[in-house]
Amino acid sequence: MKKNLIVMGIVILGLALVISGCTQQNNNPPPGGNTPKTVTMTAGELLNDLTMEGFGTSTVNWTYNSLADGDTLILQDVINNISYDTTADKTQVKFNTTSSGGVSSSAVFYIKENITGSYAIGDAVNITVTIKQVTFELNSVTYNMEAFQEQYEQTDFQTSMFNPAMPQTVISKA
């Protein structure tokens, strides 16, 4: 009888720990306090969220107001133009945008290889990337920026004006 009470006590204690969450993994935010999140935006919303400061100085800062290091961005928009560059072996994907000031422009993304057989003007797509905080020096200027990890990992990140072709895995139909 005493043995049954001990076993039952252990089972109840175990259930209490599971229900209270004490046995879950540590979900504390990483240093700096940012708990990575997933954010969905259009190309226009992304450009309006970007703050660029320091051009013409020795330090340039590019940051997003709604995004931080480790966040996942799902850019969800409709392709306005798409073309393949055979020389560079990359596809240029453009989205129409309008700034918060009402100025129309385009947001451009490059995807490795030819994807024009799978995507066309008018297709609703998702481009899914991870935000990465980076600091580097180029031509005596220090850049502090929130880049797309999938672009930053490419060897031509700095020489391509911070817009190298990303792997095809980042784009999908919405």
N, C-alpha and C. Protein backbone atom coordinates (compact mmCIF):
# COMPACT_ATOMS: atom_id res chain seq x y z
N MET A 1 0.83 -1.20 0.00
CA MET A 1 0.00 0.00 0.00
C MET A 1 0.87 1.25 0.00
N LYS A 2 1.92 1.26 0.86
CA LYS A 2 2.81 2.40 0.95
C LYS A 2 3.52 2.60 -0.39
N LYS A 3 3.89 1.49 -1.05
CA LYS A 3 4.57 1.54 -2.35
C LYS A 3 3.65 2.17 -3.39
N ASN A 4 2.37 1.81 -3.39
CA ASN A 4 1.40 2.36 -4.33
C ASN A 4 1.22 3.87 -4.14
N LEU A 5 1.22 4.31 -2.89
CA LEU A 5 1.09 5.75 -2.60
C LEU A 5 2.30 6.52 -3.12
N ILE A 6 3.50 5.95 -2.98
CA ILE A 6 4.72 6.60 -3.46
C ILE A 6 4.69 6.70 -4.99
N VAL A 7 4.33 5.62 -5.65
CA VAL A 7 4.24 5.62 -7.12
C VAL A 7 3.20 6.64 -7.58
N MET A 8 2.03 6.65 -6.92
CA MET A 8 0.99 7.59 -7.29
C MET A 8 1.45 9.03 -7.06
N GLY A 9 2.19 9.26 -5.99
CA GLY A 9 2.72 10.59 -5.70
C GLY A 9 3.69 11.06 -6.77
N ILE A 10 4.56 10.14 -7.22
CA ILE A 10 5.52 10.47 -8.28
C ILE A 10 4.79 10.79 -9.58
N VAL A 11 3.76 10.01 -9.92
CA VAL A 11 2.97 10.26 -11.14
C VAL A 11 2.29 11.62 -11.06
N ILE A 12 1.69 11.94 -9.92
CA ILE A 12 1.00 13.24 -9.76
C ILE A 12 2.00 14.39 -9.85
N LEU A 13 3.16 14.23 -9.20
CA LEU A 13 4.20 15.27 -9.27
C LEU A 13 4.68 15.46 -10.71
N GLY A 14 4.87 14.35 -11.42
CA GLY A 14 5.29 14.43 -12.83
C GLY A 14 4.27 15.15 -13.68
N LEU A 15 3.01 14.81 -13.50
CA LEU A 15 1.95 15.50 -14.25
C LEU A 15 1.90 16.98 -13.92
N ALA A 16 2.08 17.31 -12.65
CA ALA A 16 2.06 18.71 -12.24
C ALA A 16 3.19 19.49 -12.91
N LEU A 17 4.38 18.87 -12.98
CA LEU A 17 5.51 19.53 -13.64
C LEU A 17 5.26 19.74 -15.13
N VAL A 18 4.70 18.74 -15.80
CA VAL A 18 4.40 18.86 -17.23
C VAL A 18 3.35 19.93 -17.47
N ILE A 19 2.29 19.91 -16.69
CA ILE A 19 1.20 20.89 -16.87
C ILE A 19 1.69 22.30 -16.58
N SER A 20 2.56 22.46 -15.60
CA SER A 20 3.03 23.80 -15.24
C SER A 20 4.09 24.32 -16.20
N GLY A 21 4.63 23.44 -17.05
CA GLY A 21 5.64 23.87 -18.03
C GLY A 21 7.05 23.79 -17.52
N CYS A 22 7.26 23.26 -16.32
CA CYS A 22 8.60 23.21 -15.74
C CYS A 22 9.53 22.26 -16.48
N THR A 23 9.00 21.35 -17.27
CA THR A 23 9.86 20.42 -17.98
C THR A 23 10.13 20.86 -19.42
N GLN A 24 9.60 22.03 -19.83
CA GLN A 24 9.84 22.51 -21.18
C GLN A 24 11.25 23.05 -21.30
N GLN A 25 11.74 23.14 -22.56
CA GLN A 25 13.06 23.70 -22.80
C GLN A 25 13.07 25.16 -22.40
N ASN A 26 14.26 25.67 -22.13
CA ASN A 26 14.42 27.07 -21.78
C ASN A 26 14.13 27.92 -23.01
N ASN A 27 13.09 28.71 -22.96
CA ASN A 27 12.71 29.57 -24.09
C ASN A 27 13.05 31.03 -23.81
N ASN A 28 14.08 31.26 -23.00
CA ASN A 28 14.47 32.64 -22.72
C ASN A 28 15.00 33.28 -23.98
N PRO A 29 14.77 34.58 -24.15
CA PRO A 29 15.29 35.24 -25.34
C PRO A 29 16.81 35.20 -25.35
N PRO A 30 17.41 35.25 -26.55
CA PRO A 30 18.86 35.29 -26.64
C PRO A 30 19.39 36.60 -26.08
N PRO A 31 20.73 36.70 -25.88
CA PRO A 31 21.29 37.96 -25.39
C PRO A 31 20.80 39.12 -26.25
N GLY A 32 20.50 40.22 -25.62
CA GLY A 32 19.97 41.37 -26.34
C GLY A 32 18.46 41.43 -26.24
N GLY A 33 17.83 40.36 -25.77
CA GLY A 33 16.41 40.39 -25.50
C GLY A 33 15.49 40.11 -26.67
N ASN A 34 16.01 39.79 -27.84
CA ASN A 34 15.15 39.57 -28.99
C ASN A 34 14.71 38.11 -29.07
N THR A 35 13.42 37.89 -28.98
CA THR A 35 12.88 36.57 -29.25
C THR A 35 12.50 36.55 -30.73
N PRO A 36 13.17 35.72 -31.54
CA PRO A 36 12.88 35.73 -32.98
C PRO A 36 11.39 35.53 -33.26
N LYS A 37 10.91 36.29 -34.24
CA LYS A 37 9.50 36.21 -34.62
C LYS A 37 9.40 36.10 -36.13
N THR A 38 8.21 35.79 -36.62
CA THR A 38 7.95 35.73 -38.05
C THR A 38 7.03 36.90 -38.39
N VAL A 39 7.43 37.67 -39.41
CA VAL A 39 6.69 38.85 -39.83
C VAL A 39 6.41 38.73 -41.33
N THR A 40 5.17 39.00 -41.73
CA THR A 40 4.80 38.99 -43.15
C THR A 40 4.56 40.43 -43.59
N MET A 41 5.19 40.81 -44.72
CA MET A 41 5.07 42.17 -45.26
C MET A 41 5.02 42.11 -46.77
N THR A 42 4.49 43.16 -47.38
CA THR A 42 4.64 43.35 -48.82
C THR A 42 5.98 44.02 -49.06
N ALA A 43 6.40 44.10 -50.31
CA ALA A 43 7.66 44.77 -50.63
C ALA A 43 7.60 46.24 -50.22
N GLY A 44 6.47 46.89 -50.44
CA GLY A 44 6.32 48.29 -50.05
C GLY A 44 6.42 48.48 -48.55
N GLU A 45 5.78 47.59 -47.80
CA GLU A 45 5.87 47.68 -46.34
C GLU A 45 7.31 47.47 -45.87
N LEU A 46 8.03 46.56 -46.51
CA LEU A 46 9.42 46.31 -46.15
C LEU A 46 10.27 47.56 -46.39
N LEU A 47 10.12 48.17 -47.55
CA LEU A 47 10.91 49.38 -47.85
C LEU A 47 10.54 50.53 -46.92
N ASN A 48 9.26 50.65 -46.58
CA ASN A 48 8.85 51.71 -45.65
C ASN A 48 9.35 51.45 -44.23
N ASP A 49 9.64 50.19 -43.91
CA ASP A 49 10.12 49.81 -42.59
C ASP A 49 11.62 50.05 -42.43
N LEU A 50 12.30 50.26 -43.54
CA LEU A 50 13.76 50.40 -43.55
C LEU A 50 14.18 51.82 -43.20
N THR A 51 15.15 51.93 -42.30
CA THR A 51 15.76 53.22 -41.96
C THR A 51 17.22 53.16 -42.38
N MET A 52 17.64 54.13 -43.19
CA MET A 52 19.03 54.20 -43.64
C MET A 52 19.59 55.54 -43.19
N GLU A 53 20.72 55.47 -42.47
CA GLU A 53 21.35 56.69 -41.95
C GLU A 53 22.85 56.65 -42.19
N GLY A 54 23.43 57.83 -42.34
CA GLY A 54 24.88 57.95 -42.37
C GLY A 54 25.53 57.92 -43.73
N PHE A 55 24.76 57.99 -44.81
CA PHE A 55 25.38 58.01 -46.13
C PHE A 55 26.29 59.23 -46.24
N GLY A 56 27.48 59.03 -46.80
CA GLY A 56 28.44 60.12 -46.92
C GLY A 56 29.31 60.27 -45.68
N THR A 57 29.13 59.40 -44.69
CA THR A 57 29.96 59.43 -43.49
C THR A 57 30.75 58.13 -43.41
N SER A 58 31.51 57.96 -42.34
CA SER A 58 32.32 56.75 -42.20
C SER A 58 31.55 55.58 -41.62
N THR A 59 30.29 55.82 -41.20
CA THR A 59 29.46 54.73 -40.67
C THR A 59 28.06 54.83 -41.25
N VAL A 60 27.61 53.73 -41.84
CA VAL A 60 26.27 53.68 -42.42
C VAL A 60 25.45 52.65 -41.66
N ASN A 61 24.23 53.00 -41.28
CA ASN A 61 23.33 52.11 -40.55
C ASN A 61 22.09 51.85 -41.39
N TRP A 62 21.77 50.57 -41.59
CA TRP A 62 20.54 50.14 -42.26
C TRP A 62 19.81 49.23 -41.29
N THR A 63 18.66 49.64 -40.82
CA THR A 63 17.91 48.82 -39.89
C THR A 63 16.43 48.83 -40.26
N TYR A 64 15.75 47.79 -39.84
CA TYR A 64 14.30 47.70 -40.01
C TYR A 64 13.64 48.02 -38.67
N ASN A 65 12.59 48.79 -38.71
CA ASN A 65 11.89 49.17 -37.48
C ASN A 65 11.16 47.99 -36.85
N SER A 66 10.65 47.07 -37.66
CA SER A 66 9.83 45.96 -37.16
C SER A 66 10.55 44.62 -37.12
N LEU A 67 11.81 44.59 -37.52
CA LEU A 67 12.55 43.33 -37.61
C LEU A 67 13.84 43.42 -36.82
N ALA A 68 14.33 42.27 -36.39
CA ALA A 68 15.59 42.22 -35.64
C ALA A 68 16.33 40.94 -36.00
N ASP A 69 17.56 40.85 -35.55
CA ASP A 69 18.41 39.70 -35.80
C ASP A 69 17.70 38.40 -35.42
N GLY A 70 17.65 37.46 -36.35
CA GLY A 70 17.03 36.16 -36.10
C GLY A 70 15.58 36.06 -36.52
N ASP A 71 14.94 37.19 -36.80
CA ASP A 71 13.54 37.17 -37.23
C ASP A 71 13.43 36.55 -38.62
N THR A 72 12.28 35.94 -38.89
CA THR A 72 11.97 35.42 -40.21
C THR A 72 11.03 36.41 -40.89
N LEU A 73 11.40 36.83 -42.09
CA LEU A 73 10.57 37.73 -42.90
C LEU A 73 9.96 36.92 -44.02
N ILE A 74 8.64 37.03 -44.17
CA ILE A 74 7.96 36.47 -45.33
C ILE A 74 7.48 37.65 -46.14
N LEU A 75 8.17 37.92 -47.24
CA LEU A 75 7.76 38.98 -48.14
C LEU A 75 6.70 38.37 -49.05
N GLN A 76 5.49 38.87 -48.95
CA GLN A 76 4.37 38.31 -49.70
C GLN A 76 3.85 39.39 -50.64
N ASP A 77 4.02 39.16 -51.94
CA ASP A 77 3.64 40.19 -52.91
C ASP A 77 3.40 39.55 -54.27
N VAL A 78 3.04 40.39 -55.24
CA VAL A 78 2.76 39.94 -56.60
C VAL A 78 3.89 40.40 -57.52
N ILE A 79 4.41 39.50 -58.31
CA ILE A 79 5.52 39.82 -59.22
C ILE A 79 5.03 40.83 -60.27
N ASN A 80 5.77 41.95 -60.37
CA ASN A 80 5.47 42.97 -61.37
C ASN A 80 6.29 42.77 -62.63
N ASN A 81 7.49 42.23 -62.48
CA ASN A 81 8.37 41.98 -63.61
C ASN A 81 9.34 40.88 -63.22
N ILE A 82 9.69 40.05 -64.18
CA ILE A 82 10.64 38.96 -63.93
C ILE A 82 11.46 38.75 -65.19
N SER A 83 12.78 38.65 -65.02
CA SER A 83 13.63 38.43 -66.19
C SER A 83 14.87 37.65 -65.76
N TYR A 84 15.39 36.87 -66.71
CA TYR A 84 16.55 36.03 -66.45
C TYR A 84 17.77 36.61 -67.14
N ASP A 85 18.88 36.72 -66.39
CA ASP A 85 20.15 37.20 -66.92
C ASP A 85 21.03 35.98 -67.16
N THR A 86 21.21 35.61 -68.44
CA THR A 86 21.98 34.40 -68.77
C THR A 86 23.45 34.54 -68.38
N THR A 87 24.00 35.75 -68.48
CA THR A 87 25.41 35.96 -68.16
C THR A 87 25.68 35.73 -66.68
N ALA A 88 24.83 36.26 -65.82
CA ALA A 88 25.01 36.13 -64.37
C ALA A 88 24.33 34.89 -63.80
N ASP A 89 23.51 34.22 -64.61
CA ASP A 89 22.75 33.04 -64.20
C ASP A 89 21.90 33.34 -62.96
N LYS A 90 21.13 34.44 -63.07
CA LYS A 90 20.22 34.79 -61.98
C LYS A 90 18.97 35.44 -62.55
N THR A 91 17.88 35.31 -61.80
CA THR A 91 16.60 35.88 -62.20
C THR A 91 16.30 37.09 -61.34
N GLN A 92 15.93 38.18 -62.01
CA GLN A 92 15.54 39.40 -61.31
C GLN A 92 14.02 39.38 -61.13
N VAL A 93 13.57 39.51 -59.88
CA VAL A 93 12.15 39.53 -59.56
C VAL A 93 11.82 40.91 -58.99
N LYS A 94 10.86 41.61 -59.64
CA LYS A 94 10.51 42.96 -59.20
C LYS A 94 9.10 43.02 -58.67
N PHE A 95 8.93 43.88 -57.66
CA PHE A 95 7.62 44.15 -57.09
C PHE A 95 7.39 45.65 -57.10
N ASN A 96 6.19 46.09 -57.47
CA ASN A 96 5.85 47.52 -57.38
C ASN A 96 5.70 47.91 -55.93
N THR A 97 6.19 49.08 -55.59
CA THR A 97 6.04 49.58 -54.22
C THR A 97 5.65 51.05 -54.27
N THR A 98 5.08 51.51 -53.18
CA THR A 98 4.80 52.93 -53.00
C THR A 98 5.28 53.30 -51.62
N SER A 99 6.14 54.31 -51.55
CA SER A 99 6.69 54.72 -50.25
C SER A 99 5.60 55.38 -49.42
N SER A 100 5.89 55.56 -48.14
CA SER A 100 4.93 56.22 -47.25
C SER A 100 4.68 57.65 -47.72
N GLY A 101 5.59 58.21 -48.51
CA GLY A 101 5.41 59.55 -49.07
C GLY A 101 4.69 59.55 -50.40
N GLY A 102 4.26 58.36 -50.86
CA GLY A 102 3.49 58.27 -52.10
C GLY A 102 4.32 58.10 -53.36
N VAL A 103 5.63 57.91 -53.23
CA VAL A 103 6.51 57.76 -54.39
C VAL A 103 6.51 56.30 -54.84
N SER A 104 6.24 56.07 -56.13
CA SER A 104 6.25 54.72 -56.68
C SER A 104 7.66 54.31 -57.07
N SER A 105 7.99 53.06 -56.80
CA SER A 105 9.29 52.51 -57.18
C SER A 105 9.16 51.00 -57.27
N SER A 106 10.30 50.32 -57.35
CA SER A 106 10.31 48.87 -57.40
C SER A 106 11.25 48.32 -56.36
N ALA A 107 10.87 47.19 -55.80
CA ALA A 107 11.77 46.42 -54.94
C ALA A 107 12.26 45.26 -55.79
N VAL A 108 13.57 45.03 -55.79
CA VAL A 108 14.18 44.02 -56.65
C VAL A 108 14.87 42.96 -55.80
N PHE A 109 14.64 41.71 -56.17
CA PHE A 109 15.30 40.58 -55.53
C PHE A 109 15.89 39.71 -56.63
N TYR A 110 17.04 39.11 -56.35
CA TYR A 110 17.68 38.22 -57.31
C TYR A 110 17.67 36.80 -56.77
N ILE A 111 17.29 35.88 -57.63
CA ILE A 111 17.25 34.46 -57.28
C ILE A 111 18.22 33.72 -58.22
N LYS A 112 19.02 32.83 -57.67
CA LYS A 112 19.99 32.08 -58.48
C LYS A 112 19.27 31.26 -59.55
N GLU A 113 19.88 31.22 -60.70
CA GLU A 113 19.45 30.41 -61.84
C GLU A 113 18.15 30.93 -62.45
N ASN A 114 17.67 30.21 -63.44
CA ASN A 114 16.48 30.63 -64.19
C ASN A 114 15.22 30.04 -63.55
N ILE A 115 14.37 30.91 -63.02
CA ILE A 115 13.11 30.45 -62.42
C ILE A 115 11.91 30.94 -63.23
N THR A 116 12.17 31.49 -64.43
CA THR A 116 11.07 32.05 -65.23
C THR A 116 10.11 30.99 -65.75
N GLY A 117 10.52 29.73 -65.75
CA GLY A 117 9.62 28.67 -66.14
C GLY A 117 8.61 28.33 -65.04
N SER A 118 8.91 28.73 -63.83
CA SER A 118 8.04 28.43 -62.68
C SER A 118 7.27 29.64 -62.18
N TYR A 119 7.76 30.84 -62.48
CA TYR A 119 7.14 32.06 -61.98
C TYR A 119 6.97 33.06 -63.12
N ALA A 120 5.91 33.87 -63.03
CA ALA A 120 5.61 34.83 -64.10
C ALA A 120 5.02 36.11 -63.50
N ILE A 121 4.95 37.15 -64.33
CA ILE A 121 4.30 38.39 -63.92
C ILE A 121 2.88 38.07 -63.47
N GLY A 122 2.50 38.65 -62.32
CA GLY A 122 1.16 38.44 -61.78
C GLY A 122 1.08 37.32 -60.75
N ASP A 123 2.14 36.52 -60.62
CA ASP A 123 2.14 35.45 -59.62
C ASP A 123 2.28 36.04 -58.22
N ALA A 124 1.46 35.57 -57.30
CA ALA A 124 1.62 35.92 -55.88
C ALA A 124 2.66 34.96 -55.31
N VAL A 125 3.70 35.53 -54.68
CA VAL A 125 4.79 34.71 -54.17
C VAL A 125 5.14 35.10 -52.73
N ASN A 126 5.83 34.19 -52.09
CA ASN A 126 6.45 34.44 -50.79
C ASN A 126 7.96 34.34 -50.98
N ILE A 127 8.68 35.30 -50.45
CA ILE A 127 10.13 35.20 -50.35
C ILE A 127 10.42 35.16 -48.86
N THR A 128 10.95 34.03 -48.39
CA THR A 128 11.17 33.82 -46.97
C THR A 128 12.66 33.89 -46.66
N VAL A 129 13.03 34.83 -45.79
CA VAL A 129 14.43 35.05 -45.43
C VAL A 129 14.56 35.26 -43.92
N THR A 130 15.78 35.15 -43.45
CA THR A 130 16.09 35.38 -42.04
C THR A 130 16.90 36.66 -41.92
N ILE A 131 16.53 37.50 -40.96
CA ILE A 131 17.25 38.75 -40.75
C ILE A 131 18.53 38.47 -39.97
N LYS A 132 19.63 39.06 -40.43
CA LYS A 132 20.93 38.87 -39.78
C LYS A 132 21.59 40.23 -39.56
N GLN A 133 21.96 40.50 -38.32
CA GLN A 133 22.69 41.72 -37.99
C GLN A 133 24.14 41.52 -38.38
N VAL A 134 24.67 42.40 -39.24
CA VAL A 134 26.06 42.28 -39.68
C VAL A 134 26.76 43.62 -39.58
N THR A 135 28.06 43.56 -39.40
CA THR A 135 28.91 44.75 -39.42
C THR A 135 30.14 44.40 -40.24
N PHE A 136 30.48 45.25 -41.20
CA PHE A 136 31.67 45.02 -42.00
C PHE A 136 32.16 46.36 -42.53
N GLU A 137 33.40 46.36 -43.02
CA GLU A 137 33.99 47.57 -43.58
C GLU A 137 34.21 47.37 -45.07
N LEU A 138 33.88 48.40 -45.84
CA LEU A 138 34.07 48.38 -47.28
C LEU A 138 34.44 49.78 -47.73
N ASN A 139 35.57 49.93 -48.40
CA ASN A 139 36.04 51.23 -48.90
C ASN A 139 36.07 52.28 -47.78
N SER A 140 36.63 51.91 -46.64
CA SER A 140 36.79 52.78 -45.46
C SER A 140 35.48 53.23 -44.83
N VAL A 141 34.39 52.55 -45.14
CA VAL A 141 33.10 52.84 -44.52
C VAL A 141 32.67 51.61 -43.73
N THR A 142 32.23 51.82 -42.49
CA THR A 142 31.71 50.74 -41.66
C THR A 142 30.21 50.65 -41.87
N TYR A 143 29.74 49.47 -42.19
CA TYR A 143 28.31 49.23 -42.39
C TYR A 143 27.77 48.40 -41.23
N ASN A 144 26.75 48.93 -40.56
CA ASN A 144 25.99 48.19 -39.56
C ASN A 144 24.62 48.00 -40.18
N MET A 145 24.26 46.76 -40.44
CA MET A 145 23.00 46.58 -41.16
C MET A 145 22.31 45.28 -40.80
N GLU A 146 21.01 45.31 -41.00
CA GLU A 146 20.22 44.10 -40.92
C GLU A 146 20.04 43.61 -42.35
N ALA A 147 20.73 42.52 -42.65
CA ALA A 147 20.74 41.96 -44.00
C ALA A 147 19.90 40.69 -44.02
N PHE A 148 19.65 40.18 -45.22
CA PHE A 148 19.02 38.87 -45.35
C PHE A 148 20.14 37.85 -45.26
N GLN A 149 20.06 36.96 -44.30
CA GLN A 149 21.10 35.96 -44.11
C GLN A 149 21.38 35.19 -45.40
N GLU A 150 20.33 34.88 -46.15
CA GLU A 150 20.48 34.11 -47.39
C GLU A 150 21.27 34.88 -48.44
N GLN A 151 21.29 36.21 -48.36
CA GLN A 151 22.13 37.01 -49.25
C GLN A 151 23.53 37.17 -48.67
N TYR A 152 23.60 37.43 -47.39
CA TYR A 152 24.88 37.70 -46.75
C TYR A 152 25.82 36.51 -46.86
N GLU A 153 25.28 35.30 -46.89
CA GLU A 153 26.11 34.10 -46.99
C GLU A 153 26.76 33.95 -48.35
N GLN A 154 26.32 34.70 -49.34
CA GLN A 154 26.88 34.59 -50.69
C GLN A 154 28.21 35.33 -50.75
N THR A 155 29.16 34.80 -51.50
CA THR A 155 30.50 35.37 -51.54
C THR A 155 30.54 36.75 -52.18
N ASP A 156 29.54 37.08 -52.99
CA ASP A 156 29.55 38.38 -53.67
C ASP A 156 28.67 39.42 -52.98
N PHE A 157 28.39 39.25 -51.70
CA PHE A 157 27.49 40.16 -50.98
C PHE A 157 27.95 41.61 -51.10
N GLN A 158 29.21 41.89 -50.77
CA GLN A 158 29.68 43.27 -50.78
C GLN A 158 29.90 43.81 -52.19
N THR A 159 30.39 42.99 -53.09
CA THR A 159 30.67 43.48 -54.44
C THR A 159 29.42 43.62 -55.29
N SER A 160 28.30 43.03 -54.86
CA SER A 160 27.06 43.13 -55.63
C SER A 160 26.14 44.22 -55.07
N MET A 161 26.73 45.15 -54.34
CA MET A 161 25.95 46.22 -53.72
C MET A 161 24.91 45.65 -52.76
N PHE A 162 25.31 44.63 -52.02
CA PHE A 162 24.51 44.01 -50.96
C PHE A 162 23.24 43.35 -51.49
N ASN A 163 23.22 42.97 -52.76
CA ASN A 163 22.02 42.35 -53.33
C ASN A 163 22.39 41.17 -54.23
N PRO A 164 23.12 40.18 -53.68
CA PRO A 164 23.45 39.02 -54.52
C PRO A 164 22.25 38.11 -54.69
N ALA A 165 22.37 37.20 -55.63
CA ALA A 165 21.30 36.23 -55.88
C ALA A 165 21.18 35.27 -54.70
N MET A 166 19.93 35.01 -54.30
CA MET A 166 19.64 34.09 -53.20
C MET A 166 19.29 32.73 -53.77
N PRO A 167 19.42 31.69 -52.97
CA PRO A 167 19.04 30.35 -53.44
C PRO A 167 17.56 30.28 -53.77
N GLN A 168 17.20 29.39 -54.69
CA GLN A 168 15.80 29.24 -55.10
C GLN A 168 14.89 28.83 -53.95
N THR A 169 15.46 28.28 -52.90
CA THR A 169 14.65 27.81 -51.78
C THR A 169 13.92 28.94 -51.06
N VAL A 170 14.31 30.21 -51.29
CA VAL A 170 13.67 31.32 -50.58
C VAL A 170 12.33 31.71 -51.19
N ILE A 171 12.07 31.31 -52.45
CA ILE A 171 10.85 31.76 -53.13
C ILE A 171 9.87 30.59 -53.30
N SER A 172 8.58 30.91 -53.12
CA SER A 172 7.53 29.91 -53.32
C SER A 172 6.25 30.64 -53.72
N LYS A 173 5.33 29.90 -54.31
CA LYS A 173 4.03 30.49 -54.66
C LYS A 173 3.23 30.71 -53.39
N ALA A 174 2.54 31.84 -53.36
CA ALA A 174 1.75 32.17 -52.15
C ALA A 174 0.46 31.39 -52.15
